[in-house]
Amino acid sequence: MTATASTSPAASPLRLLWHLFRYQNRIFLRNPFSAFFSLAFPVMFLLLFGMLFGSETDEAGVAVIQFIVPSMIVFAVVATTYMNLSVVVSMNRDEGILKRVRGTPVPAVHYLSARILSSVWWALVAVAIQIGVGMLVFGVEVIWRMFPAMLLTLLVGIACFAALGMALAAVIPNGEAAPAISNATALPLLFVSGVFIPLEDAPSWVTGIGNMFPIRHFWLALVDTFNPYFEGSGFAWGHLAIVALWTVVGVAVAVWKFRWEPRPGSD
């Protein structure tokens, strides 16, 4: 990254942040793997599950696809925040990009903030795509009386997994290990949290593991806002509190352990 007029000392902090945010968005789109895995891959899962189970209903008569959409939204959020941030930031550190940023007039905190905000933005885009495909292709219903709860749940969840993504990036030993560690810590938890498969008949220890981590609580809170038979405003305060607590843990670990340079001998 090179300094430009927009990143000069005379530039306002907000203008600088906006410039860096747009820069990070362009980088995201220029990386086909990140764009595909974060945006297209969850949609492929939604279309696949929709074709397999789109005509089925549950015992209450609600179409199963109504609950598949929030599940795929959770998958998309985890992919665009937790998985993407942990991998990209780790690789940037090993490539010396983070170290070089600290030697430019660009404040390092602005660079990282723009990276995180870009991840949040693409998570919101992924959510919009999932809902749009669900409504247009499968007739999924958005329950407007619970829309504020859905929006708050999404914001809390996105913030949580962005913080945990930065925390993981802070403790990952090197960039080469980042994709494996990211996948190994996210994909199994997506399964034991009930995102991909129902857990009604699963052993209690499986649900017990899922309940320890934020993915399940994020999913449970979000699914309620898509359930037309759910009474009330849809705010799952207990689940949101657990997700918020994990956000605090993620921020604390990221601040405590974050490194701008590779570990010695990590090449």
C-alpha atoms as a PDB file:
ATOM      1  CA  MET A   1       0.000   0.000   0.000  1.00  0.00           C
ATOM      2  CA  THR A   2       1.379   3.400  -0.941  1.00  0.00           C
ATOM      3  CA  ALA A   3       0.595   6.745   0.639  1.00  0.00           C
ATOM      4  CA  THR A   4      -1.612   9.053  -1.404  1.00  0.00           C
ATOM      5  CA  ALA A   5      -3.075  12.502  -0.991  1.00  0.00           C
ATOM      6  CA  SER A   6      -6.028  10.901   0.731  1.00  0.00           C
ATOM      7  CA  THR A   7      -3.746   9.427   3.378  1.00  0.00           C
ATOM      8  CA  SER A   8      -1.752  12.600   4.027  1.00  0.00           C
ATOM      9  CA  PRO A   9      -1.583  14.056   7.544  1.00  0.00           C
ATOM     10  CA  ALA A  10      -4.031  16.749   6.427  1.00  0.00           C
ATOM     11  CA  ALA A  11      -6.732  14.199   5.733  1.00  0.00           C
ATOM     12  CA  SER A  12      -9.431  13.942   8.394  1.00  0.00           C
ATOM     13  CA  PRO A  13      -9.576  10.673  10.365  1.00  0.00           C
ATOM     14  CA  LEU A  14     -12.982   9.790   8.929  1.00  0.00           C
ATOM     15  CA  ARG A  15     -11.904  10.531   5.374  1.00  0.00           C
ATOM     16  CA  LEU A  16      -8.796   8.433   5.873  1.00  0.00           C
ATOM     17  CA  LEU A  17     -10.838   5.589   7.320  1.00  0.00           C
ATOM     18  CA  TRP A  18     -13.245   5.790   4.371  1.00  0.00           C
ATOM     19  CA  HIS A  19     -10.344   5.658   1.906  1.00  0.00           C
ATOM     20  CA  LEU A  20      -8.833   2.626   3.628  1.00  0.00           C
ATOM     21  CA  PHE A  21     -12.235   0.947   3.859  1.00  0.00           C
ATOM     22  CA  ARG A  22     -12.740   1.250   0.096  1.00  0.00           C
ATOM     23  CA  TYR A  23      -9.194   0.001  -0.446  1.00  0.00           C
ATOM     24  CA  GLN A  24      -9.874  -3.108   1.645  1.00  0.00           C
ATOM     25  CA  ASN A  25     -13.117  -3.731  -0.249  1.00  0.00           C
ATOM     26  CA  ARG A  26     -11.236  -3.697  -3.549  1.00  0.00           C
ATOM     27  CA  ILE A  27      -8.684  -6.133  -2.150  1.00  0.00           C
ATOM     28  CA  PHE A  28     -11.503  -8.449  -1.083  1.00  0.00           C
ATOM     29  CA  LEU A  29     -13.063  -8.456  -4.547  1.00  0.00           C
ATOM     30  CA  ARG A  30      -9.694  -9.059  -6.182  1.00  0.00           C
ATOM     31  CA  ASN A  31      -9.263 -12.251  -4.174  1.00  0.00           C
ATOM     32  CA  PRO A  32     -11.534 -14.783  -5.919  1.00  0.00           C
ATOM     33  CA  PHE A  33     -11.147 -17.365  -3.153  1.00  0.00           C
ATOM     34  CA  SER A  34     -12.264 -15.003  -0.388  1.00  0.00           C
ATOM     35  CA  ALA A  35     -15.150 -13.610  -2.413  1.00  0.00           C
ATOM     36  CA  PHE A  36     -16.345 -17.066  -3.465  1.00  0.00           C
ATOM     37  CA  PHE A  37     -16.077 -18.703  -0.053  1.00  0.00           C
ATOM     38  CA  SER A  38     -17.667 -15.755   1.770  1.00  0.00           C
ATOM     39  CA  LEU A  39     -20.449 -14.823  -0.648  1.00  0.00           C
ATOM     40  CA  ALA A  40     -21.109 -17.575  -3.201  1.00  0.00           C
ATOM     41  CA  PHE A  41     -20.411 -20.696  -1.147  1.00  0.00           C
ATOM     42  CA  PRO A  42     -23.179 -20.119   1.445  1.00  0.00           C
ATOM     43  CA  VAL A  43     -25.618 -19.371  -1.399  1.00  0.00           C
ATOM     44  CA  MET A  44     -24.693 -22.677  -3.036  1.00  0.00           C
ATOM     45  CA  PHE A  45     -25.493 -24.435   0.239  1.00  0.00           C
ATOM     46  CA  LEU A  46     -28.815 -22.584   0.465  1.00  0.00           C
ATOM     47  CA  LEU A  47     -29.773 -23.596  -3.078  1.00  0.00           C
ATOM     48  CA  LEU A  48     -28.735 -27.190  -2.431  1.00  0.00           C
ATOM     49  CA  PHE A  49     -30.683 -27.472   0.823  1.00  0.00           C
ATOM     50  CA  GLY A  50     -33.595 -25.677  -0.798  1.00  0.00           C
ATOM     51  CA  MET A  51     -33.762 -28.176  -3.629  1.00  0.00           C
ATOM     52  CA  LEU A  52     -33.533 -31.094  -1.196  1.00  0.00           C
ATOM     53  CA  PHE A  53     -35.893 -29.888   1.515  1.00  0.00           C
ATOM     54  CA  GLY A  54     -37.683 -26.881   0.058  1.00  0.00           C
ATOM     55  CA  SER A  55     -41.078 -28.605  -0.132  1.00  0.00           C
ATOM     56  CA  GLU A  56     -40.959 -30.085   3.363  1.00  0.00           C
ATOM     57  CA  THR A  57     -42.669 -28.607   6.422  1.00  0.00           C
ATOM     58  CA  ASP A  58     -42.238 -29.159  10.143  1.00  0.00           C
ATOM     59  CA  GLU A  59     -44.886 -30.362  12.598  1.00  0.00           C
ATOM     60  CA  ALA A  60     -46.310 -26.849  12.866  1.00  0.00           C
ATOM     61  CA  GLY A  61     -46.655 -26.537   9.111  1.00  0.00           C
ATOM     62  CA  VAL A  62     -43.779 -24.090   8.658  1.00  0.00           C
ATOM     63  CA  ALA A  63     -41.648 -24.650   5.539  1.00  0.00           C
ATOM     64  CA  VAL A  64     -38.254 -26.093   6.476  1.00  0.00           C
ATOM     65  CA  ILE A  65     -36.519 -23.604   4.173  1.00  0.00           C
ATOM     66  CA  GLN A  66     -37.718 -20.863   6.543  1.00  0.00           C
ATOM     67  CA  PHE A  67     -35.180 -22.177   9.058  1.00  0.00           C
ATOM     68  CA  ILE A  68     -32.482 -23.083   6.545  1.00  0.00           C
ATOM     69  CA  VAL A  69     -32.050 -19.430   5.534  1.00  0.00           C
ATOM     70  CA  PRO A  70     -31.002 -18.228   9.019  1.00  0.00           C
ATOM     71  CA  SER A  71     -28.674 -21.233   9.251  1.00  0.00           C
ATOM     72  CA  MET A  72     -26.954 -20.237   6.031  1.00  0.00           C
ATOM     73  CA  ILE A  73     -26.832 -16.632   7.236  1.00  0.00           C
ATOM     74  CA  VAL A  74     -24.902 -17.802  10.309  1.00  0.00           C
ATOM     75  CA  PHE A  75     -22.526 -19.738   8.044  1.00  0.00           C
ATOM     76  CA  ALA A  76     -22.022 -16.664   5.836  1.00  0.00           C
ATOM     77  CA  VAL A  77     -21.348 -14.392   8.818  1.00  0.00           C
ATOM     78  CA  VAL A  78     -18.784 -16.779  10.284  1.00  0.00           C
ATOM     79  CA  ALA A  79     -17.093 -17.123   6.880  1.00  0.00           C
ATOM     80  CA  THR A  80     -16.868 -13.393   6.128  1.00  0.00           C
ATOM     81  CA  THR A  81     -15.757 -12.324   9.600  1.00  0.00           C
ATOM     82  CA  TYR A  82     -14.128 -15.018  11.733  1.00  0.00           C
ATOM     83  CA  MET A  83     -12.613 -17.133   8.980  1.00  0.00           C
ATOM     84  CA  ASN A  84     -11.718 -14.352   6.565  1.00  0.00           C
ATOM     85  CA  LEU A  85     -10.169 -12.021   9.150  1.00  0.00           C
ATOM     86  CA  SER A  86      -8.141 -14.716  10.888  1.00  0.00           C
ATOM     87  CA  VAL A  87      -6.620 -15.932   7.627  1.00  0.00           C
ATOM     88  CA  VAL A  88      -6.023 -12.612   5.881  1.00  0.00           C
ATOM     89  CA  VAL A  89      -4.592 -10.758   8.887  1.00  0.00           C
ATOM     90  CA  SER A  90      -2.284 -13.682   9.711  1.00  0.00           C
ATOM     91  CA  MET A  91      -1.004 -13.828   6.146  1.00  0.00           C
ATOM     92  CA  ASN A  92      -0.575 -10.044   5.997  1.00  0.00           C
ATOM     93  CA  ARG A  93       1.562 -10.248   9.123  1.00  0.00           C
ATOM     94  CA  ASP A  94       3.776 -12.996   7.692  1.00  0.00           C
ATOM     95  CA  GLU A  95       4.138 -11.126   4.385  1.00  0.00           C
ATOM     96  CA  GLY A  96       5.371  -8.063   6.272  1.00  0.00           C
ATOM     97  CA  ILE A  97       2.410  -5.905   5.243  1.00  0.00           C
ATOM     98  CA  LEU A  98       1.430  -5.050   8.815  1.00  0.00           C
ATOM     99  CA  LYS A  99       5.015  -4.134   9.666  1.00  0.00           C
ATOM    100  CA  ARG A 100       5.267  -1.873   6.612  1.00  0.00           C
ATOM    101  CA  VAL A 101       1.986  -0.148   7.446  1.00  0.00           C
ATOM    102  CA  ARG A 102       3.469   0.967  10.753  1.00  0.00           C
ATOM    103  CA  GLY A 103       6.258   2.670   8.813  1.00  0.00           C
ATOM    104  CA  THR A 104       3.863   4.804   6.741  1.00  0.00           C
ATOM    105  CA  PRO A 105       1.950   7.975   7.703  1.00  0.00           C
ATOM    106  CA  VAL A 106      -1.200   5.840   7.939  1.00  0.00           C
ATOM    107  CA  PRO A 107      -2.107   5.228  11.603  1.00  0.00           C
ATOM    108  CA  ALA A 108      -1.994   1.496  12.215  1.00  0.00           C
ATOM    109  CA  VAL A 109      -5.293   1.563  14.096  1.00  0.00           C
ATOM    110  CA  HIS A 110      -6.977   3.071  11.020  1.00  0.00           C
ATOM    111  CA  TYR A 111      -5.637   0.273   8.834  1.00  0.00           C
ATOM    112  CA  LEU A 112      -6.916  -2.456  11.134  1.00  0.00           C
ATOM    113  CA  SER A 113     -10.229  -0.664  11.665  1.00  0.00           C
ATOM    114  CA  ALA A 114     -10.738  -0.468   7.915  1.00  0.00           C
ATOM    115  CA  ARG A 115      -9.944  -4.171   7.588  1.00  0.00           C
ATOM    116  CA  ILE A 116     -12.517  -5.036  10.260  1.00  0.00           C
ATOM    117  CA  LEU A 117     -15.158  -2.669   8.851  1.00  0.00           C
ATOM    118  CA  SER A 118     -14.685  -4.169   5.402  1.00  0.00           C
ATOM    119  CA  SER A 119     -15.286  -7.619   6.867  1.00  0.00           C
ATOM    120  CA  VAL A 120     -18.430  -6.343   8.595  1.00  0.00           C
ATOM    121  CA  TRP A 121     -19.638  -4.785   5.346  1.00  0.00           C
ATOM    122  CA  TRP A 122     -19.242  -7.990   3.368  1.00  0.00           C
ATOM    123  CA  ALA A 123     -20.966  -9.920   6.133  1.00  0.00           C
ATOM    124  CA  LEU A 124     -23.969  -7.617   5.743  1.00  0.00           C
ATOM    125  CA  VAL A 125     -23.831  -8.069   1.968  1.00  0.00           C
ATOM    126  CA  ALA A 126     -23.774 -11.840   2.444  1.00  0.00           C
ATOM    127  CA  VAL A 127     -26.794 -11.606   4.745  1.00  0.00           C
ATOM    128  CA  ALA A 128     -28.702  -9.539   2.186  1.00  0.00           C
ATOM    129  CA  ILE A 129     -27.892 -12.051  -0.553  1.00  0.00           C
ATOM    130  CA  GLN A 130     -29.100 -14.971   1.572  1.00  0.00           C
ATOM    131  CA  ILE A 131     -32.365 -13.254   2.453  1.00  0.00           C
ATOM    132  CA  GLY A 132     -32.887 -12.094  -1.129  1.00  0.00           C
ATOM    133  CA  VAL A 133     -32.334 -15.563  -2.579  1.00  0.00           C
ATOM    134  CA  GLY A 134     -34.529 -17.092   0.112  1.00  0.00           C
ATOM    135  CA  MET A 135     -37.400 -14.717  -0.628  1.00  0.00           C
ATOM    136  CA  LEU A 136     -37.169 -14.732  -4.432  1.00  0.00           C
ATOM    137  CA  VAL A 137     -36.398 -18.404  -5.015  1.00  0.00           C
ATOM    138  CA  PHE A 138     -38.067 -20.188  -2.104  1.00  0.00           C
ATOM    139  CA  GLY A 139     -40.673 -17.735  -0.836  1.00  0.00           C
ATOM    140  CA  VAL A 140     -39.090 -17.298   2.577  1.00  0.00           C
ATOM    141  CA  GLU A 141     -41.008 -14.845   4.747  1.00  0.00           C
ATOM    142  CA  VAL A 142     -39.390 -11.922   6.545  1.00  0.00           C
ATOM    143  CA  ILE A 143     -41.392 -11.353   9.734  1.00  0.00           C
ATOM    144  CA  TRP A 144     -41.376  -7.585   9.959  1.00  0.00           C
ATOM    145  CA  ARG A 145     -42.546  -7.367  13.566  1.00  0.00           C
ATOM    146  CA  MET A 146     -39.330  -9.171  14.497  1.00  0.00           C
ATOM    147  CA  PHE A 147     -37.115  -7.294  12.047  1.00  0.00           C
ATOM    148  CA  PRO A 148     -35.556  -5.087  14.800  1.00  0.00           C
ATOM    149  CA  ALA A 149     -34.642  -8.253  16.728  1.00  0.00           C
ATOM    150  CA  MET A 150     -33.195  -9.825  13.590  1.00  0.00           C
ATOM    151  CA  LEU A 151     -31.118  -6.719  12.876  1.00  0.00           C
ATOM    152  CA  LEU A 152     -29.787  -6.488  16.435  1.00  0.00           C
ATOM    153  CA  THR A 153     -28.983 -10.201  16.456  1.00  0.00           C
ATOM    154  CA  LEU A 154     -27.072  -9.864  13.195  1.00  0.00           C
ATOM    155  CA  LEU A 155     -25.081  -6.870  14.433  1.00  0.00           C
ATOM    156  CA  VAL A 156     -24.194  -8.570  17.716  1.00  0.00           C
ATOM    157  CA  GLY A 157     -23.219 -11.770  15.896  1.00  0.00           C
ATOM    158  CA  ILE A 158     -21.124  -9.993  13.276  1.00  0.00           C
ATOM    159  CA  ALA A 159     -19.310  -7.993  15.964  1.00  0.00           C
ATOM    160  CA  CYS A 160     -18.651 -11.179  17.935  1.00  0.00           C
ATOM    161  CA  PHE A 161     -17.145 -13.165  15.091  1.00  0.00           C
ATOM    162  CA  ALA A 162     -15.132 -10.214  13.823  1.00  0.00           C
ATOM    163  CA  ALA A 163     -13.615  -9.889  17.312  1.00  0.00           C
ATOM    164  CA  LEU A 164     -12.968 -13.632  17.511  1.00  0.00           C
ATOM    165  CA  GLY A 165     -11.425 -13.574  14.043  1.00  0.00           C
ATOM    166  CA  MET A 166      -8.949 -10.917  15.171  1.00  0.00           C
ATOM    167  CA  ALA A 167      -8.293 -12.892  18.357  1.00  0.00           C
ATOM    168  CA  LEU A 168      -7.525 -16.022  16.353  1.00  0.00           C
ATOM    169  CA  ALA A 169      -5.253 -14.036  14.049  1.00  0.00           C
ATOM    170  CA  ALA A 170      -3.403 -12.805  17.128  1.00  0.00           C
ATOM    171  CA  VAL A 171      -2.618 -16.315  18.386  1.00  0.00           C
ATOM    172  CA  ILE A 172      -2.108 -18.191  15.109  1.00  0.00           C
ATOM    173  CA  PRO A 173       1.611 -19.026  14.883  1.00  0.00           C
ATOM    174  CA  ASN A 174       2.014 -18.243  11.173  1.00  0.00           C
ATOM    175  CA  GLY A 175       0.098 -17.489   8.007  1.00  0.00           C
ATOM    176  CA  GLU A 176       0.536 -20.952   6.525  1.00  0.00           C
ATOM    177  CA  ALA A 177      -1.318 -22.488   9.436  1.00  0.00           C
ATOM    178  CA  ALA A 178      -4.120 -19.933   9.355  1.00  0.00           C
ATOM    179  CA  PRO A 179      -6.509 -21.606   6.854  1.00  0.00           C
ATOM    180  CA  ALA A 180      -6.247 -24.991   8.582  1.00  0.00           C
ATOM    181  CA  ILE A 181      -6.739 -23.574  12.063  1.00  0.00           C
ATOM    182  CA  SER A 182      -9.585 -21.333  10.935  1.00  0.00           C
ATOM    183  CA  ASN A 183     -11.453 -24.207   9.289  1.00  0.00           C
ATOM    184  CA  ALA A 184     -10.699 -26.624  12.132  1.00  0.00           C
ATOM    185  CA  THR A 185     -12.134 -24.262  14.737  1.00  0.00           C
ATOM    186  CA  ALA A 186     -15.187 -23.112  12.747  1.00  0.00           C
ATOM    187  CA  LEU A 187     -16.562 -26.008  10.696  1.00  0.00           C
ATOM    188  CA  PRO A 188     -16.920 -28.586  13.520  1.00  0.00           C
ATOM    189  CA  LEU A 189     -18.643 -25.977  15.702  1.00  0.00           C
ATOM    190  CA  LEU A 190     -21.073 -25.173  12.885  1.00  0.00           C
ATOM    191  CA  PHE A 191     -22.097 -28.826  12.910  1.00  0.00           C
ATOM    192  CA  VAL A 192     -22.349 -29.299  16.697  1.00  0.00           C
ATOM    193  CA  SER A 193     -24.245 -26.004  16.946  1.00  0.00           C
ATOM    194  CA  GLY A 194     -27.059 -27.276  14.731  1.00  0.00           C
ATOM    195  CA  VAL A 195     -26.373 -24.943  11.833  1.00  0.00           C
ATOM    196  CA  PHE A 196     -26.036 -27.668   9.189  1.00  0.00           C
ATOM    197  CA  ILE A 197     -27.958 -30.579  10.711  1.00  0.00           C
ATOM    198  CA  PRO A 198     -30.744 -30.849  13.335  1.00  0.00           C
ATOM    199  CA  LEU A 199     -29.601 -31.912  16.794  1.00  0.00           C
ATOM    200  CA  GLU A 200     -32.887 -33.240  18.194  1.00  0.00           C
ATOM    201  CA  ASP A 201     -31.571 -36.822  18.283  1.00  0.00           C
ATOM    202  CA  ALA A 202     -27.936 -35.982  18.952  1.00  0.00           C
ATOM    203  CA  PRO A 203     -26.214 -37.132  22.168  1.00  0.00           C
ATOM    204  CA  SER A 204     -26.380 -34.643  25.002  1.00  0.00           C
ATOM    205  CA  TRP A 205     -22.616 -34.154  24.948  1.00  0.00           C
ATOM    206  CA  VAL A 206     -22.846 -32.830  21.378  1.00  0.00           C
ATOM    207  CA  THR A 207     -25.357 -30.135  22.294  1.00  0.00           C
ATOM    208  CA  GLY A 208     -23.369 -29.490  25.454  1.00  0.00           C
ATOM    209  CA  ILE A 209     -20.291 -28.643  23.406  1.00  0.00           C
ATOM    210  CA  GLY A 210     -22.348 -26.467  21.084  1.00  0.00           C
ATOM    211  CA  ASN A 211     -23.846 -24.535  23.996  1.00  0.00           C
ATOM    212  CA  MET A 212     -20.376 -23.572  25.186  1.00  0.00           C
ATOM    213  CA  PHE A 213     -19.648 -21.522  22.074  1.00  0.00           C
ATOM    214  CA  PRO A 214     -21.270 -18.464  20.471  1.00  0.00           C
ATOM    215  CA  ILE A 215     -22.242 -19.996  17.118  1.00  0.00           C
ATOM    216  CA  ARG A 216     -25.128 -21.969  18.608  1.00  0.00           C
ATOM    217  CA  HIS A 217     -26.454 -19.012  20.599  1.00  0.00           C
ATOM    218  CA  PHE A 218     -26.205 -16.741  17.572  1.00  0.00           C
ATOM    219  CA  TRP A 219     -28.039 -19.331  15.503  1.00  0.00           C
ATOM    220  CA  LEU A 220     -30.772 -19.889  18.094  1.00  0.00           C
ATOM    221  CA  ALA A 221     -31.365 -16.160  18.469  1.00  0.00           C
ATOM    222  CA  LEU A 222     -31.510 -15.653  14.711  1.00  0.00           C
ATOM    223  CA  VAL A 223     -33.764 -18.638  13.972  1.00  0.00           C
ATOM    224  CA  ASP A 224     -36.389 -17.294  16.377  1.00  0.00           C
ATOM    225  CA  THR A 225     -36.696 -14.119  14.298  1.00  0.00           C
ATOM    226  CA  PHE A 226     -37.594 -16.218  11.223  1.00  0.00           C
ATOM    227  CA  ASN A 227     -40.187 -18.365  13.017  1.00  0.00           C
ATOM    228  CA  PRO A 228     -43.712 -17.144  12.127  1.00  0.00           C
ATOM    229  CA  TYR A 229     -45.189 -18.996  15.115  1.00  0.00           C
ATOM    230  CA  PHE A 230     -42.810 -17.354  17.586  1.00  0.00           C
ATOM    231  CA  GLU A 231     -44.690 -14.904  19.799  1.00  0.00           C
ATOM    232  CA  GLY A 232     -43.301 -11.599  20.942  1.00  0.00           C
ATOM    233  CA  SER A 233     -40.709  -9.236  19.523  1.00  0.00           C
ATOM    234  CA  GLY A 234     -38.090 -11.930  18.875  1.00  0.00           C
ATOM    235  CA  PHE A 235     -35.336 -10.573  21.137  1.00  0.00           C
ATOM    236  CA  ALA A 236     -33.460 -13.543  22.596  1.00  0.00           C
ATOM    237  CA  TRP A 237     -31.680 -11.613  25.314  1.00  0.00           C
ATOM    238  CA  GLY A 238     -30.136 -14.657  26.988  1.00  0.00           C
ATOM    239  CA  HIS A 239     -28.513 -15.896  23.799  1.00  0.00           C
ATOM    240  CA  LEU A 240     -27.435 -12.382  22.830  1.00  0.00           C
ATOM    241  CA  ALA A 241     -25.818 -11.886  26.228  1.00  0.00           C
ATOM    242  CA  ILE A 242     -23.668 -14.991  25.704  1.00  0.00           C
ATOM    243  CA  VAL A 243     -22.672 -13.835  22.212  1.00  0.00           C
ATOM    244  CA  ALA A 244     -21.819 -10.392  23.624  1.00  0.00           C
ATOM    245  CA  LEU A 245     -19.696 -12.008  26.342  1.00  0.00           C
ATOM    246  CA  TRP A 246     -17.719 -13.876  23.680  1.00  0.00           C
ATOM    247  CA  THR A 247     -17.258 -10.544  21.894  1.00  0.00           C
ATOM    248  CA  VAL A 248     -15.596  -9.121  25.000  1.00  0.00           C
ATOM    249  CA  VAL A 249     -13.361 -12.198  25.226  1.00  0.00           C
ATOM    250  CA  GLY A 250     -12.413 -11.837  21.557  1.00  0.00           C
ATOM    251  CA  VAL A 251     -11.543  -8.151  21.911  1.00  0.00           C
ATOM    252  CA  ALA A 252      -9.504  -8.814  25.064  1.00  0.00           C
ATOM    253  CA  VAL A 253      -7.468 -11.604  23.451  1.00  0.00           C
ATOM    254  CA  ALA A 254      -6.965  -9.621  20.235  1.00  0.00           C
ATOM    255  CA  VAL A 255      -5.676  -6.573  22.122  1.00  0.00           C
ATOM    256  CA  TRP A 256      -3.512  -8.647  24.456  1.00  0.00           C
ATOM    257  CA  LYS A 257      -1.905 -10.972  21.934  1.00  0.00           C
ATOM    258  CA  PHE A 258      -1.897  -9.030  18.668  1.00  0.00           C
ATOM    259  CA  ARG A 259       1.457  -8.864  16.867  1.00  0.00           C
ATOM    260  CA  TRP A 260       2.479  -6.619  13.988  1.00  0.00           C
ATOM    261  CA  GLU A 261       5.465  -8.734  13.024  1.00  0.00           C
ATOM    262  CA  PRO A 262       5.904 -12.491  12.418  1.00  0.00           C
ATOM    263  CA  ARG A 263       7.184 -14.604  15.246  1.00  0.00           C
ATOM    264  CA  PRO A 264      10.923 -15.306  15.037  1.00  0.00           C
ATOM    265  CA  GLY A 265      11.520 -18.559  13.218  1.00  0.00           C
ATOM    266  CA  SER A 266       7.960 -18.747  11.856  1.00  0.00           C
ATOM    267  CA  ASP A 267       9.107 -18.686   8.212  1.00  0.00           C
END
